[in-house]
């Protein structure tokens, strides 16, 4: 199991990034809460990782904090919640916000996330309620991934593509980005505003 990686950030295409660790390039999928704190490409970054092995693929997931990785591991143990949905949940809610939803049985907030239906939200609340007390939730979104984000060439289109990869329909993703009212911002800033806007509805 690969549990931790430190290397040079070569590329960012949410929700995927490419990390050069001593000449070996690792393709990693990460939640947006991790992307928000990534440094510009060419700089060093440290990520806590979780490897998912399937018959047809091996997928490496990366997180800016041990708390996010621990929550990811708890989520994928819930019946009906796979790694992709867990990544979507962690992209739409911080660990603290998710903990608040579970503690307050806020199913509507969970249902607003793509791919999370009413039954899944209720299952999350029931199954996670007993598991979360042992999860230490830190303020902020990451540790070990610091710095300012780098502006991509077409941040709005990059943001739409990232939201589609996270499970949103292309039409909904375009509308979310259009309504984000972020001008001249980075891809990560646009996605953050779009997700926050969706969460308020």
Protein backbone atom coordinates (compact mmCIF):
# COMPACT_ATOMS: atom_id res chain seq x y z
CA UNK A 1 0.00 0.00 0.00
CA UNK A 2 1.27 3.47 -0.91
CA UNK A 3 0.45 5.69 2.07
CA UNK A 4 2.41 8.88 1.45
CA UNK A 5 4.16 10.62 -1.45
CA UNK A 6 6.38 13.69 -1.64
CA UNK A 7 7.46 15.01 -5.02
CA UNK A 8 7.29 17.71 -7.67
CA UNK A 9 3.87 18.69 -8.96
CA UNK A 10 4.02 18.34 -12.75
CA UNK A 11 0.41 18.91 -13.81
CA UNK A 12 -3.00 19.81 -12.42
CA UNK A 13 -6.24 18.87 -14.19
CA UNK A 14 -8.88 18.54 -11.46
CA UNK A 15 -9.65 16.03 -10.15
CA UNK A 16 -6.34 14.57 -11.37
CA UNK A 17 -2.76 15.61 -10.77
CA UNK A 18 0.64 14.26 -11.79
CA UNK A 19 3.41 13.97 -9.19
CA UNK A 20 7.07 13.29 -10.02
CA UNK A 21 8.65 11.24 -7.22
CA UNK A 22 12.33 10.66 -8.02
CA UNK A 23 11.64 10.30 -11.73
CA UNK A 24 8.47 8.22 -11.39
CA UNK A 25 5.24 9.97 -12.39
CA UNK A 26 2.24 9.14 -10.21
CA UNK A 27 -1.23 9.92 -11.54
CA UNK A 28 -3.35 10.82 -8.52
CA UNK A 29 -7.01 11.71 -8.08
CA UNK A 30 -7.73 14.23 -5.36
CA UNK A 31 -10.77 16.07 -3.95
CA UNK A 32 -11.12 19.79 -4.59
CA UNK A 33 -10.44 20.50 -0.91
CA UNK A 34 -6.91 19.28 -1.65
CA UNK A 35 -6.62 21.14 -4.97
CA UNK A 36 -7.45 24.45 -3.28
CA UNK A 37 -4.16 24.29 -1.37
CA UNK A 38 -1.86 22.90 -4.06
CA UNK A 39 1.19 25.01 -4.97
CA UNK A 40 1.99 25.98 -8.57
CA UNK A 41 3.35 23.27 -10.84
CA UNK A 42 7.07 22.77 -10.46
CA UNK A 43 6.97 22.98 -6.67
CA UNK A 44 7.18 20.22 -4.08
CA UNK A 45 4.04 18.79 -2.56
CA UNK A 46 3.29 16.10 0.03
CA UNK A 47 0.15 13.97 -0.07
CA UNK A 48 -1.37 11.27 2.09
CA UNK A 49 -2.52 8.56 -0.29
CA UNK A 50 -4.86 5.61 -0.58
CA UNK A 51 -4.53 2.96 -3.29
CA UNK A 52 -7.65 1.31 -4.67
CA UNK A 53 -7.00 -1.94 -6.53
CA UNK A 54 -9.66 -3.26 -8.91
CA UNK A 55 -9.63 -5.99 -11.51
CA UNK A 56 -9.31 -3.47 -14.32
CA UNK A 57 -7.35 -0.65 -12.69
CA UNK A 58 -5.23 0.60 -9.82
CA UNK A 59 -6.24 4.11 -8.75
CA UNK A 60 -4.23 6.27 -6.37
CA UNK A 61 -6.08 8.92 -4.38
CA UNK A 62 -4.27 11.81 -2.70
CA UNK A 63 -5.24 14.07 0.21
CA UNK A 64 -3.75 17.17 1.76
CA UNK A 65 -4.43 15.97 5.30
CA UNK A 66 -4.66 12.72 7.21
CA UNK A 67 -8.16 13.75 8.29
CA UNK A 68 -9.42 13.84 4.70
CA UNK A 69 -7.85 10.47 3.94
CA UNK A 70 -9.36 8.97 7.09
CA UNK A 71 -12.79 10.30 6.13
CA UNK A 72 -12.37 8.92 2.60
CA UNK A 73 -11.59 5.50 4.05
CA UNK A 74 -14.66 5.65 6.28
CA UNK A 75 -16.87 6.70 3.36
CA UNK A 76 -15.87 3.86 1.05
CA UNK A 77 -16.87 1.40 3.77
CA UNK A 78 -20.46 2.62 3.54
CA UNK A 79 -22.67 0.37 1.41
CA UNK A 80 -23.27 2.00 -1.97
CA UNK A 81 -20.49 4.58 -1.62
CA UNK A 82 -17.52 3.92 -3.89
CA UNK A 83 -14.26 5.87 -4.25
CA UNK A 84 -15.70 8.20 -6.92
CA UNK A 85 -18.66 9.20 -4.76
CA UNK A 86 -16.39 9.59 -1.73
CA UNK A 87 -14.19 11.93 -3.78
CA UNK A 88 -17.26 13.91 -4.83
CA UNK A 89 -18.42 14.23 -1.21
CA UNK A 90 -14.98 15.46 -0.10
CA UNK A 91 -14.95 17.93 -2.99
CA UNK A 92 -18.31 19.42 -2.05
CA UNK A 93 -17.86 19.46 1.73
CA UNK A 94 -14.90 19.87 4.05
CA UNK A 95 -14.45 17.22 6.74
CA UNK A 96 -15.90 19.65 9.28
CA UNK A 97 -18.95 20.43 7.12
CA UNK A 98 -19.59 16.74 6.50
CA UNK A 99 -19.30 16.03 10.22
CA UNK A 100 -21.84 18.80 10.87
CA UNK A 101 -24.25 17.29 8.31
CA UNK A 102 -24.04 13.88 9.95
CA UNK A 103 -24.35 15.22 13.50
CA UNK A 104 -27.44 17.25 12.54
CA UNK A 105 -28.97 14.61 10.23
CA UNK A 106 -28.88 17.16 7.39
CA UNK A 107 -29.83 14.84 4.53
CA UNK A 108 -30.84 17.72 2.17
CA UNK A 109 -27.28 19.08 2.23
CA UNK A 110 -25.92 15.67 1.27
CA UNK A 111 -28.52 15.17 -1.48
CA UNK A 112 -27.30 18.36 -3.18
CA UNK A 113 -24.05 16.54 -3.99
CA UNK A 114 -24.06 14.79 -7.41
CA UNK A 115 -24.80 11.09 -7.23
CA UNK A 116 -26.08 11.23 -3.64
CA UNK A 117 -29.75 10.34 -3.50
CA UNK A 118 -32.08 10.44 -0.53
CA UNK A 119 -31.49 6.80 0.40
CA UNK A 120 -27.72 7.17 0.17
CA UNK A 121 -27.84 10.34 2.29
CA UNK A 122 -29.89 8.56 4.95
CA UNK A 123 -27.51 5.60 4.88
CA UNK A 124 -24.54 7.94 5.29
CA UNK A 125 -26.13 9.58 8.30
CA UNK A 126 -26.95 6.27 9.96
CA UNK A 127 -23.66 4.49 9.27
CA UNK A 128 -21.30 7.44 9.73
CA UNK A 129 -22.83 8.70 12.97
CA UNK A 130 -21.04 6.05 15.02
CA UNK A 131 -17.79 6.26 13.07
CA UNK A 132 -17.14 9.99 12.98
CA UNK A 133 -16.58 10.62 16.72
CA UNK A 134 -13.18 8.95 16.42
CA UNK A 135 -12.21 11.10 13.44
CA UNK A 136 -10.16 14.14 14.36
CA UNK A 137 -11.36 17.06 12.23
CA UNK A 138 -8.83 19.82 11.72
CA UNK A 139 -9.64 23.38 10.76
CA UNK A 140 -8.65 24.23 7.22
CA UNK A 141 -8.41 21.93 4.22
CA UNK A 142 -4.88 20.65 4.14
CA UNK A 143 -1.52 20.23 5.69
CA UNK A 144 1.59 19.73 3.61
CA UNK A 145 0.10 21.27 0.47
CA UNK A 146 0.72 24.95 0.70
CA UNK A 147 1.24 27.81 -1.70
CA UNK A 148 -0.76 29.75 -4.24
CA UNK A 149 -2.56 28.17 -7.15
CA UNK A 150 -1.46 28.71 -10.74
CA UNK A 151 -3.79 30.13 -13.35
CA UNK A 152 -4.53 27.64 -16.13
CA UNK A 153 -4.98 28.87 -19.71
CA UNK A 154 -8.78 28.48 -19.68
CA UNK A 155 -9.84 28.34 -16.03
CA UNK A 156 -13.60 28.41 -16.62
CA UNK A 157 -13.51 25.50 -19.08
CA UNK A 158 -11.12 23.63 -16.77
CA UNK A 159 -13.60 24.18 -13.94
CA UNK A 160 -16.51 22.82 -16.00
CA UNK A 161 -14.48 19.74 -16.95
CA UNK A 162 -13.54 19.17 -13.32
CA UNK A 163 -17.16 19.41 -12.16
CA UNK A 164 -18.21 16.92 -14.85
CA UNK A 165 -15.45 14.57 -13.67
CA UNK A 166 -16.84 14.91 -10.15
CA UNK A 167 -20.25 13.69 -11.31
CA UNK A 168 -22.16 16.82 -12.34
CA UNK A 169 -23.94 16.89 -15.70
CA UNK A 170 -22.23 19.10 -18.28
CA UNK A 171 -25.21 21.46 -18.47
CA UNK A 172 -25.37 21.81 -14.69
CA UNK A 173 -21.61 22.29 -14.46
CA UNK A 174 -21.73 25.08 -17.03
CA UNK A 175 -24.55 26.80 -15.18
CA UNK A 176 -22.74 26.48 -11.85
CA UNK A 177 -19.60 28.07 -13.30
CA UNK A 178 -21.64 30.78 -15.01
CA UNK A 179 -23.35 31.61 -11.72
CA UNK A 180 -20.12 31.56 -9.70
CA UNK A 181 -19.48 35.23 -10.60
CA UNK A 182 -15.71 34.70 -10.41
CA UNK A 183 -13.87 36.75 -13.02
CA UNK A 184 -10.19 36.23 -13.69
CA UNK A 185 -9.84 33.61 -10.98
CA UNK A 186 -8.06 30.28 -11.09
CA UNK A 187 -9.77 27.00 -11.90
CA UNK A 188 -9.76 26.07 -8.20
CA UNK A 189 -11.30 29.42 -7.17
CA UNK A 190 -14.07 29.04 -9.76
CA UNK A 191 -14.82 25.48 -8.64
CA UNK A 192 -14.88 26.53 -4.99
CA UNK A 193 -17.37 29.33 -5.75
CA UNK A 194 -19.47 27.03 -7.93
CA UNK A 195 -19.67 24.32 -5.25
CA UNK A 196 -20.43 26.87 -2.56
CA UNK A 197 -23.20 28.34 -4.73
CA UNK A 198 -24.69 24.90 -5.30
CA UNK A 199 -24.55 24.18 -1.58
CA UNK A 200 -26.60 27.27 -0.76
CA UNK A 201 -29.54 26.23 -2.95
